[in-house]
Protein backbone atom coordinates (compact mmCIF):
# COMPACT_ATOMS: atom_id res chain seq x y z
CA UNK A 1 4.43 -18.01 -26.56
CA UNK A 2 4.06 -18.94 -22.86
CA UNK A 3 3.57 -15.25 -22.09
CA UNK A 4 0.62 -14.94 -24.50
CA UNK A 5 -1.03 -18.12 -23.24
CA UNK A 6 -0.53 -17.14 -19.61
CA UNK A 7 -1.89 -13.65 -20.30
CA UNK A 8 -5.00 -15.14 -21.91
CA UNK A 9 -5.44 -17.28 -18.80
CA UNK A 10 -5.14 -14.22 -16.54
CA UNK A 11 -7.74 -12.31 -18.52
CA UNK A 12 -10.16 -15.25 -18.45
CA UNK A 13 -9.69 -15.60 -14.70
CA UNK A 14 -10.35 -11.89 -14.33
CA UNK A 15 -13.63 -12.24 -16.22
CA UNK A 16 -14.63 -15.07 -13.91
CA UNK A 17 -13.93 -12.81 -10.94
CA UNK A 18 -15.45 -9.69 -12.48
CA UNK A 19 -16.74 -8.64 -9.06
CA UNK A 20 -13.16 -7.73 -8.10
CA UNK A 21 -12.89 -5.29 -11.00
CA UNK A 22 -16.35 -3.87 -10.34
CA UNK A 23 -15.52 -3.42 -6.65
CA UNK A 24 -12.27 -1.68 -7.55
CA UNK A 25 -14.01 0.78 -9.87
CA UNK A 26 -16.80 1.47 -7.37
CA UNK A 27 -14.27 2.07 -4.60
CA UNK A 28 -12.39 4.53 -6.82
CA UNK A 29 -15.51 6.43 -7.84
CA UNK A 30 -17.02 6.55 -4.34
CA UNK A 31 -13.85 7.70 -2.60
CA UNK A 32 -13.13 10.30 -5.28
CA UNK A 33 -16.67 11.73 -5.12
CA UNK A 34 -16.70 12.02 -1.33
CA UNK A 35 -14.13 14.83 -1.33
CA UNK A 36 -16.19 17.32 -3.39
CA UNK A 37 -19.19 16.58 -1.17
CA UNK A 38 -17.14 17.28 1.96
CA UNK A 39 -15.28 20.35 0.67
CA UNK A 40 -18.19 22.02 -1.09
CA UNK A 41 -18.69 23.07 -4.70
CA UNK A 42 -15.81 25.56 -4.94
CA UNK A 43 -14.36 25.13 -8.46
CA UNK A 44 -10.97 26.65 -7.69
CA UNK A 45 -10.42 24.56 -4.57
CA UNK A 46 -11.53 21.35 -6.29
CA UNK A 47 -9.20 22.02 -9.19
CA UNK A 48 -6.23 22.51 -6.86
CA UNK A 49 -6.74 19.26 -4.94
CA UNK A 50 -7.90 17.14 -7.89
CA UNK A 51 -4.50 15.74 -8.96
CA UNK A 52 -3.57 14.47 -5.50
CA UNK A 53 -7.02 13.03 -4.72
CA UNK A 54 -7.48 11.24 -8.04
CA UNK A 55 -3.97 9.79 -7.92
CA UNK A 56 -4.25 8.56 -4.34
CA UNK A 57 -7.72 7.09 -4.90
CA UNK A 58 -6.58 5.33 -8.10
CA UNK A 59 -3.52 3.78 -6.46
CA UNK A 60 -5.54 2.67 -3.44
CA UNK A 61 -8.24 1.15 -5.64
CA UNK A 62 -5.70 -0.69 -7.80
CA UNK A 63 -4.21 -2.25 -4.67
CA UNK A 64 -7.48 -3.94 -3.64
CA UNK A 65 -7.33 -6.93 -6.05
CA UNK A 66 -3.53 -7.12 -5.83
CA UNK A 67 -3.66 -9.28 -2.69
CA UNK A 68 -5.06 -12.18 -4.72
CA UNK A 69 -2.78 -11.88 -7.74
CA UNK A 70 -0.78 -15.00 -6.80
CA UNK A 71 -2.82 -16.36 -3.90
CA UNK A 72 -5.18 -18.69 -5.77
CA UNK A 73 -2.40 -20.25 -7.85
CA UNK A 74 -0.30 -20.60 -4.72
CA UNK A 75 -3.05 -22.37 -2.77
CA UNK A 76 -4.20 -24.78 -5.50
CA UNK A 77 -0.67 -25.76 -6.55
CA UNK A 78 -0.74 -24.08 -9.97
CA UNK A 79 2.50 -22.24 -9.23
CA UNK A 80 4.29 -25.54 -8.68
CA UNK A 81 2.91 -26.88 -11.95
CA UNK A 82 4.04 -23.80 -13.86
CA UNK A 83 7.56 -24.17 -12.52
CA UNK A 84 7.60 -27.90 -13.32
CA UNK A 85 6.63 -27.04 -16.90
CA UNK A 86 9.75 -24.90 -17.11
CA UNK A 87 8.02 -21.52 -17.11
CA UNK A 88 10.32 -18.84 -15.75
CA UNK A 89 9.11 -17.35 -12.44
CA UNK A 90 9.89 -13.85 -13.72
CA UNK A 91 7.83 -14.51 -16.87
CA UNK A 92 4.94 -15.72 -14.74
CA UNK A 93 5.22 -12.67 -12.48
CA UNK A 94 5.32 -10.27 -15.44
CA UNK A 95 2.25 -11.95 -16.90
CA UNK A 96 0.39 -11.49 -13.62
CA UNK A 97 1.42 -7.82 -13.49
CA UNK A 98 0.35 -7.22 -17.08
CA UNK A 99 -2.98 -8.94 -16.50
CA UNK A 100 -3.56 -6.86 -13.39
CA UNK A 101 -2.96 -3.62 -15.29
CA UNK A 102 -5.14 -4.63 -18.25
CA UNK A 103 -8.04 -5.69 -16.02
CA UNK A 104 -7.70 -2.99 -13.35
CA UNK A 105 -5.59 -0.11 -14.65
CA UNK A 106 -7.49 0.43 -17.89
CA UNK A 107 -10.95 0.42 -16.21
CA UNK A 108 -9.61 2.92 -13.67
CA UNK A 109 -8.42 5.17 -16.48
CA UNK A 110 -11.88 5.05 -18.07
CA UNK A 111 -13.55 5.81 -14.74
CA UNK A 112 -11.22 8.75 -14.09
CA UNK A 113 -12.36 10.67 -17.19
CA UNK A 114 -15.81 11.72 -15.86
CA UNK A 115 -14.23 12.44 -12.47
CA UNK A 116 -12.01 15.11 -14.05
CA UNK A 117 -15.20 16.96 -14.99
CA UNK A 118 -16.46 16.65 -11.41
CA UNK A 119 -13.24 18.30 -10.21
CA UNK A 120 -13.54 21.11 -12.75
CA UNK A 121 -10.38 20.13 -14.61
CA UNK A 122 -10.10 21.62 -18.12
CA UNK A 123 -10.53 19.31 -21.10
CA UNK A 124 -7.09 20.34 -22.38
CA UNK A 125 -5.43 18.58 -19.44
CA UNK A 126 -7.10 15.23 -20.15
CA UNK A 127 -4.41 13.77 -22.50
CA UNK A 128 -1.53 14.43 -20.10
CA UNK A 129 -3.67 13.24 -17.19
CA UNK A 130 -4.39 9.92 -18.93
CA UNK A 131 -0.72 9.46 -19.86
CA UNK A 132 0.46 10.16 -16.33
CA UNK A 133 -2.15 7.93 -14.69
CA UNK A 134 -1.36 5.16 -17.19
CA UNK A 135 2.29 5.25 -16.12
CA UNK A 136 1.28 5.48 -12.45
CA UNK A 137 -1.07 2.50 -12.50
CA UNK A 138 1.47 0.50 -14.52
CA UNK A 139 4.10 1.22 -11.86
CA UNK A 140 1.59 0.19 -9.21
CA UNK A 141 0.99 -3.15 -10.96
CA UNK A 142 4.73 -3.78 -11.24
CA UNK A 143 5.64 -2.74 -7.70
CA UNK A 144 2.55 -4.36 -6.18
CA UNK A 145 3.27 -7.61 -7.99
CA UNK A 146 6.80 -7.57 -6.62
CA UNK A 147 5.85 -6.83 -3.02
CA UNK A 148 3.01 -9.35 -3.12
CA UNK A 149 5.43 -12.10 -4.13
CA UNK A 150 7.52 -11.22 -1.09
CA UNK A 151 4.48 -11.35 1.21
CA UNK A 152 3.09 -14.51 -0.41
CA UNK A 153 2.40 -17.20 2.16
CA UNK A 154 2.50 -14.78 5.09
CA UNK A 155 -0.41 -15.04 7.51
CA UNK A 156 -0.97 -11.27 7.46
CA UNK A 157 -0.56 -10.72 3.74
CA UNK A 158 -3.27 -8.04 3.65
CA UNK A 159 -1.32 -6.03 6.23
CA UNK A 160 2.12 -6.51 4.70
CA UNK A 161 1.12 -5.65 1.13
CA UNK A 162 0.26 -1.95 1.60
CA UNK A 163 3.07 -1.60 4.12
CA UNK A 164 5.60 -2.74 1.53
CA UNK A 165 4.00 -1.17 -1.53
CA UNK A 166 3.13 2.42 -0.65
CA UNK A 167 6.63 3.58 0.39
CA UNK A 168 7.96 2.38 -2.97
CA UNK A 169 5.17 4.20 -4.82
CA UNK A 170 5.79 7.53 -3.09
CA UNK A 171 8.04 8.92 -5.88
CA UNK A 172 5.47 7.89 -8.49
CA UNK A 173 2.72 9.69 -6.58
CA UNK A 174 4.82 12.83 -6.13
CA UNK A 175 5.91 13.07 -9.77
CA UNK A 176 2.40 12.29 -11.02
CA UNK A 177 0.66 14.97 -8.96
CA UNK A 178 3.39 17.53 -9.68
CA UNK A 179 3.02 16.81 -13.38
CA UNK A 180 -0.71 17.61 -13.36
CA UNK A 181 -0.17 20.68 -11.15
CA UNK A 182 2.46 22.01 -13.54
CA UNK A 183 0.16 21.52 -16.52
CA UNK A 184 -2.71 23.25 -14.70
CA UNK A 185 -0.53 26.27 -13.89
CA UNK A 186 1.02 26.46 -17.37
CA UNK A 187 4.46 25.54 -16.06
CA UNK A 188 7.03 23.18 -17.54
CA UNK A 189 5.66 19.67 -17.06
CA UNK A 190 8.09 17.64 -19.17
CA UNK A 191 10.67 17.19 -16.34
CA UNK A 192 8.05 15.53 -14.13
CA UNK A 193 6.83 13.42 -17.04
CA UNK A 194 10.40 12.29 -17.68
CA UNK A 195 10.86 11.41 -14.00
CA UNK A 196 7.60 9.46 -14.01
CA UNK A 197 8.73 7.66 -17.14
CA UNK A 198 12.06 6.92 -15.48
CA UNK A 199 10.24 5.29 -12.55
CA UNK A 200 8.40 3.06 -15.00
CA UNK A 201 11.58 2.28 -16.93
CA UNK A 202 13.31 1.19 -13.72
CA UNK A 203 10.36 -0.85 -12.45
CA UNK A 204 9.72 -2.63 -15.77
CA UNK A 205 12.83 -4.86 -15.77
CA UNK A 206 13.51 -4.94 -12.04
CA UNK A 207 10.11 -5.80 -10.54
CA UNK A 208 9.42 -8.99 -12.56
CA UNK A 209 12.91 -10.31 -11.77
CA UNK A 210 12.50 -9.56 -8.05
CA UNK A 211 8.98 -11.00 -8.07
CA UNK A 212 10.25 -14.16 -9.76
CA UNK A 213 12.80 -14.60 -6.99
CA UNK A 214 10.04 -14.06 -4.41
CA UNK A 215 7.82 -16.68 -6.03
CA UNK A 216 10.66 -19.18 -6.12
CA UNK A 217 11.29 -18.65 -2.41
CA UNK A 218 7.58 -18.98 -1.60
CA UNK A 219 7.39 -22.33 -3.39
CA UNK A 220 10.55 -23.69 -1.83
């Protein structure tokens, strides 16, 4: 029950700060469209670089609102109140991560669909692309929520967050781009999908627990 109530709160807060979501989507679209303009309208070249560009742009865009995932509650004392009410720090962290993915990951997935057409990707690849990017953005929300709890309270949080997050997301980026490349070239893509799923399966239980410990340390 606390999870549902906290998740509703996160979604309402996201609606109140809708400019963050809009800015994230615009950043994703603008950065992803700059590459075709710079490289020229060569369908084969665009198709080859599309997986890497779309994945990198999506992960970068999803990181933009991550800096504030705990910050407001930390500054106004809400985190202390949650802990005094007996809410588990890991439950609170998982709620924040879930809210981030629902309010950032899903809009990014929707925005990525027209971009696949821009990069001349075949329609047949769209289902596996959506599945892979769903897992990738979910991993980003989990890992970013964990690293942000560690950097919470630091004076240079905006510098520490990408420094801590991107090295941990490197395997996710590699498996995700290799998965799309394999599908494009009619190669076996299931091994990369399984590896990407394994990254998510590892992050799902571990990141909320680690983030809960980080929040507890930040409050103390």
